[in-house]
Amino acid sequence: MSGYKEFTFGEGDSGVGGKSKPFKADAGRSYRVSFIWWKGLSDGKPDLDQAGPVFVGEDANFIPNVGYVINKGPEYTKLAGGEAPRKRIGSVIVVWPTDKQGTVDKSALARGDIEVLPWIISGDKFVSLKAINKEFPFGHHDFTLSCTDAQFQKMTFTPCRDSLLKTLIASPKAETIVADMIAKAQNISSKIMDHVGREMTIQAIREKLAGGGGGGGAVAGPVETISTGDIDSLVDGMLDS
């Protein structure tokens, strides 16, 4: 297998430039998924024996014409129409090629037709995944995701008996495919907060709402990474939101 992927304009170039669109499930179908953001990813060696994959999470509001904004106090809630902020949690996943029932397409897998995407979930989904991880650690088990409502992304999760990601990482024959997945995951994880929520000042939000752009008012802040092994402080209050 060659060490590069050929593409041209409009064909095979969906991952070139810009930011990846977060994973959105279609109703009536199932997906096989692996978490790929683990400690060690930045060095190209995700440690699948960790207690859980890496996530980032913040309380955020959706403000029309602005997008998701990290909530830093009551003024942010007011600008969001009074709606309380909700926990938004992000990670990076591999969506394996399957049919609508979630059965792996081996031919597509051999071609490297694999999606690596940001995934933004709510607190209740995180809690469901955390419960599965206790019995079926995601470093050693993929999971099947079945969607019943695409608009509200209602879904159920079922653990798989093994992990395609772990199997491929251990196989010298899959070295090129794995390197490609890891490179994509590294890029996505570095920009994950673009999807969780922007950090903006109140002034910048007001300028944006008034049509002034407000780009200069965005403020950078540290992104704290967390895992399912030390998540209790983040989970507090999630299910009440």
Protein backbone atom coordinates (compact mmCIF):
# COMPACT_ATOMS: atom_id res chain seq x y z
CA MET A 1 0.00 0.00 0.00
CA SER A 2 1.36 3.43 -0.93
CA GLY A 3 2.25 5.96 1.75
CA TYR A 4 0.08 8.73 0.35
CA LYS A 5 -3.50 9.33 -0.73
CA GLU A 6 -4.27 10.82 -4.13
CA PHE A 7 -7.03 13.43 -4.48
CA THR A 8 -8.04 16.33 -6.68
CA PHE A 9 -10.48 19.24 -6.54
CA GLY A 10 -13.85 17.95 -5.43
CA GLU A 11 -12.70 14.33 -5.24
CA GLY A 12 -11.23 13.01 -2.03
CA ASP A 13 -10.34 16.50 -0.75
CA SER A 14 -12.97 16.83 2.01
CA GLY A 15 -10.32 16.84 4.75
CA VAL A 16 -8.11 19.47 3.16
CA GLY A 17 -8.39 23.00 4.55
CA GLY A 18 -10.93 24.40 6.99
CA LYS A 19 -12.20 22.51 9.99
CA SER A 20 -13.86 19.12 10.05
CA LYS A 21 -17.60 19.03 10.54
CA PRO A 22 -18.61 17.27 13.76
CA PHE A 23 -20.08 13.80 13.49
CA LYS A 24 -23.87 13.77 13.05
CA ALA A 25 -25.75 10.48 12.94
CA ASP A 26 -28.54 9.74 10.48
CA ALA A 27 -31.78 8.29 11.80
CA GLY A 28 -32.43 4.62 11.16
CA ARG A 29 -28.85 3.49 10.87
CA SER A 30 -26.07 2.20 13.08
CA TYR A 31 -22.39 3.11 13.16
CA ARG A 32 -19.32 1.39 14.54
CA VAL A 33 -17.16 3.88 16.42
CA SER A 34 -13.79 4.04 18.20
CA PHE A 35 -12.41 6.82 20.36
CA ILE A 36 -8.98 7.83 19.04
CA TRP A 37 -8.09 10.77 21.31
CA TRP A 38 -6.07 9.26 24.14
CA LYS A 39 -3.09 10.45 26.11
CA GLY A 40 -0.08 10.02 23.87
CA LEU A 41 -1.91 11.01 20.69
CA SER A 42 0.21 14.15 20.33
CA ASP A 43 3.28 11.89 20.14
CA GLY A 44 1.60 9.60 17.63
CA LYS A 45 1.12 6.82 20.17
CA PRO A 46 -2.37 6.90 21.70
CA ASP A 47 -2.31 4.89 24.94
CA LEU A 48 -5.37 2.66 24.72
CA ASP A 49 -4.69 1.26 28.18
CA GLN A 50 -5.61 4.54 29.87
CA ALA A 51 -8.76 4.70 32.02
CA GLY A 52 -10.60 6.45 29.23
CA PRO A 53 -10.27 8.65 26.14
CA VAL A 54 -9.63 12.38 26.35
CA PHE A 55 -12.48 14.91 26.30
CA VAL A 56 -12.82 18.65 26.65
CA GLY A 57 -15.93 20.20 28.15
CA GLU A 58 -17.42 23.58 28.92
CA ASP A 59 -20.79 25.16 29.72
CA ALA A 60 -21.95 26.98 26.62
CA ASN A 61 -24.93 28.85 25.20
CA PHE A 62 -26.13 28.92 21.63
CA ILE A 63 -26.64 32.51 20.53
CA PRO A 64 -28.32 32.97 17.12
CA ASN A 65 -26.02 34.59 14.54
CA VAL A 66 -23.05 34.02 16.85
CA GLY A 67 -22.93 30.28 17.51
CA TYR A 68 -21.93 28.39 20.65
CA VAL A 69 -20.20 30.62 23.18
CA ILE A 70 -18.59 29.60 26.47
CA ASN A 71 -20.76 30.90 29.32
CA LYS A 72 -18.82 33.04 31.78
CA GLY A 73 -21.68 34.47 33.82
CA PRO A 74 -25.26 35.81 33.88
CA GLU A 75 -24.65 38.34 31.09
CA TYR A 76 -23.95 35.49 28.68
CA THR A 77 -27.18 33.78 29.71
CA LYS A 78 -29.12 37.01 29.07
CA LEU A 79 -27.67 37.34 25.58
CA ALA A 80 -28.78 33.76 24.93
CA GLY A 81 -32.38 34.70 25.69
CA GLY A 82 -32.26 33.55 29.30
CA GLU A 83 -31.70 29.89 28.50
CA ALA A 84 -29.37 28.21 30.96
CA PRO A 85 -26.04 27.04 29.56
CA ARG A 86 -25.60 23.39 28.72
CA LYS A 87 -22.56 21.20 29.04
CA ARG A 88 -20.89 20.53 25.67
CA ILE A 89 -18.24 17.84 25.64
CA GLY A 90 -15.92 17.11 22.75
CA SER A 91 -13.63 14.30 21.69
CA VAL A 92 -12.35 12.72 18.46
CA ILE A 93 -13.74 9.49 17.04
CA VAL A 94 -13.15 7.07 14.20
CA VAL A 95 -16.31 6.16 12.28
CA TRP A 96 -15.67 2.86 10.54
CA PRO A 97 -17.16 2.03 7.13
CA THR A 98 -20.30 -0.07 7.64
CA ASP A 99 -23.68 -0.82 6.17
CA LYS A 100 -26.83 0.64 7.75
CA GLN A 101 -26.90 -2.14 10.33
CA GLY A 102 -23.37 -1.35 11.51
CA THR A 103 -21.66 -4.35 9.89
CA VAL A 104 -18.11 -3.47 8.84
CA ASP A 105 -17.45 -3.16 5.10
CA LYS A 106 -14.13 -4.98 4.87
CA SER A 107 -13.37 -3.81 1.34
CA ALA A 108 -13.88 -0.16 2.29
CA LEU A 109 -11.78 -0.66 5.41
CA ALA A 110 -8.93 -2.12 3.36
CA ARG A 111 -9.06 0.96 1.09
CA GLY A 112 -8.77 3.23 4.10
CA ASP A 113 -12.28 4.67 3.71
CA ILE A 114 -12.37 5.70 7.35
CA GLU A 115 -13.70 8.93 8.85
CA VAL A 116 -11.94 10.69 11.71
CA LEU A 117 -14.24 13.36 13.13
CA PRO A 118 -14.85 15.65 16.09
CA TRP A 119 -17.82 14.53 18.18
CA ILE A 120 -19.70 16.92 20.44
CA ILE A 121 -22.00 15.32 22.99
CA SER A 122 -24.22 16.36 25.86
CA GLY A 123 -23.84 15.45 29.50
CA ASP A 124 -26.37 12.63 29.41
CA LYS A 125 -24.60 10.91 26.52
CA PHE A 126 -21.31 11.25 28.37
CA VAL A 127 -22.80 9.56 31.42
CA SER A 128 -24.12 6.68 29.28
CA LEU A 129 -20.70 6.22 27.67
CA LYS A 130 -18.96 6.38 31.03
CA ALA A 131 -21.12 3.52 32.30
CA ILE A 132 -20.22 1.38 29.28
CA ASN A 133 -16.51 2.20 29.67
CA LYS A 134 -16.52 0.74 33.18
CA GLU A 135 -17.43 -2.71 31.86
CA PHE A 136 -16.07 -2.48 28.33
CA PRO A 137 -13.08 -0.08 28.29
CA PHE A 138 -13.07 1.89 25.06
CA GLY A 139 -9.37 1.23 24.52
CA HIS A 140 -10.23 -2.42 23.98
CA HIS A 141 -13.80 -2.20 22.69
CA ASP A 142 -15.49 -0.23 19.94
CA PHE A 143 -19.17 0.58 20.33
CA THR A 144 -22.16 0.60 18.05
CA LEU A 145 -24.13 3.83 17.89
CA SER A 146 -27.76 3.56 16.73
CA CYS A 147 -29.63 6.78 15.95
CA THR A 148 -33.40 7.07 16.31
CA ASP A 149 -33.77 10.83 15.83
CA ALA A 150 -31.37 12.79 13.64
CA GLN A 151 -32.66 16.26 14.58
CA PHE A 152 -32.07 15.80 18.30
CA GLN A 153 -29.32 13.19 17.87
CA LYS A 154 -31.12 10.64 20.05
CA MET A 155 -29.06 7.48 20.11
CA THR A 156 -28.25 4.31 21.98
CA PHE A 157 -24.83 2.74 22.52
CA THR A 158 -23.86 -0.94 22.53
CA PRO A 159 -20.31 -2.17 23.21
CA CYS A 160 -18.55 -4.35 20.65
CA ARG A 161 -16.56 -7.41 21.66
CA ASP A 162 -13.30 -5.98 20.29
CA SER A 163 -11.60 -2.84 18.97
CA LEU A 164 -10.79 -2.29 15.31
CA LEU A 165 -8.52 0.59 16.27
CA LYS A 166 -6.50 -1.54 18.66
CA THR A 167 -6.29 -4.35 16.09
CA LEU A 168 -5.05 -2.03 13.33
CA ILE A 169 -2.50 -0.32 15.58
CA ALA A 170 -1.05 -3.74 16.39
CA SER A 171 -0.82 -4.75 12.73
CA PRO A 172 2.26 -3.78 10.67
CA LYS A 173 0.13 -4.16 7.53
CA ALA A 174 -2.08 -1.26 8.64
CA GLU A 175 0.77 1.14 9.40
CA THR A 176 -0.18 3.63 6.67
CA ILE A 177 -3.87 3.64 7.55
CA VAL A 178 -3.12 4.12 11.24
CA ALA A 179 -0.64 6.94 10.56
CA ASP A 180 -3.27 8.74 8.48
CA MET A 181 -5.92 8.38 11.20
CA ILE A 182 -3.56 9.61 13.90
CA ALA A 183 -2.49 12.63 11.84
CA LYS A 184 -6.13 13.59 11.28
CA ALA A 185 -6.95 13.08 14.96
CA GLN A 186 -4.03 15.26 16.03
CA ASN A 187 -5.24 18.08 13.79
CA ILE A 188 -8.86 17.80 14.97
CA SER A 189 -7.96 17.63 18.67
CA SER A 190 -5.94 20.84 18.36
CA LYS A 191 -9.06 22.66 17.11
CA ILE A 192 -11.76 20.89 19.11
CA MET A 193 -12.80 24.01 21.02
CA ASP A 194 -13.95 25.54 17.72
CA HIS A 195 -16.82 23.07 18.01
CA VAL A 196 -17.38 23.05 21.78
CA GLY A 197 -17.74 26.83 21.98
CA ARG A 198 -15.90 30.08 21.36
CA GLU A 199 -14.50 32.22 24.15
CA MET A 200 -15.81 35.73 23.53
CA THR A 201 -16.20 38.91 25.53
CA ILE A 202 -19.66 40.39 26.06
CA GLN A 203 -18.63 43.33 23.87
CA ALA A 204 -17.57 41.02 21.05
CA ILE A 205 -20.89 39.17 21.20
CA ARG A 206 -22.85 42.43 21.07
CA GLU A 207 -20.79 43.64 18.12
CA LYS A 208 -21.42 40.36 16.35
CA LEU A 209 -25.16 40.63 16.96
CA ALA A 210 -25.08 44.18 15.65
CA GLY A 211 -23.34 43.04 12.50
CA GLY A 212 -19.91 44.33 13.42
CA GLY A 213 -18.10 41.02 13.34
CA GLY A 214 -16.64 41.12 16.83
CA GLY A 215 -13.70 38.92 15.91
CA GLY A 216 -11.23 41.09 17.76
CA GLY A 217 -13.00 40.53 21.05
CA ALA A 218 -12.44 36.81 21.21
CA VAL A 219 -10.19 35.80 24.07
CA ALA A 220 -8.06 32.72 24.21
CA GLY A 221 -8.13 30.56 27.29
CA PRO A 222 -6.53 27.32 28.42
CA VAL A 223 -8.25 24.12 27.34
CA GLU A 224 -8.32 21.50 30.06
CA THR A 225 -8.30 17.93 28.87
CA ILE A 226 -10.03 15.28 30.94
CA SER A 227 -10.76 11.58 30.72
CA THR A 228 -13.49 9.27 31.90
CA GLY A 229 -11.17 8.29 34.71
CA ASP A 230 -11.22 11.70 36.41
CA ILE A 231 -14.44 13.28 35.20
CA ASP A 232 -16.57 13.49 38.35
CA SER A 233 -16.31 17.27 38.73
CA LEU A 234 -17.49 17.74 35.16
CA VAL A 235 -20.40 15.34 35.51
CA ASP A 236 -21.85 17.14 38.54
CA GLY A 237 -25.12 18.71 37.51
CA MET A 238 -25.00 17.52 33.92
CA LEU A 239 -28.22 15.58 34.02
CA ASP A 240 -30.04 18.57 35.52
CA SER A 241 -29.12 20.80 32.58
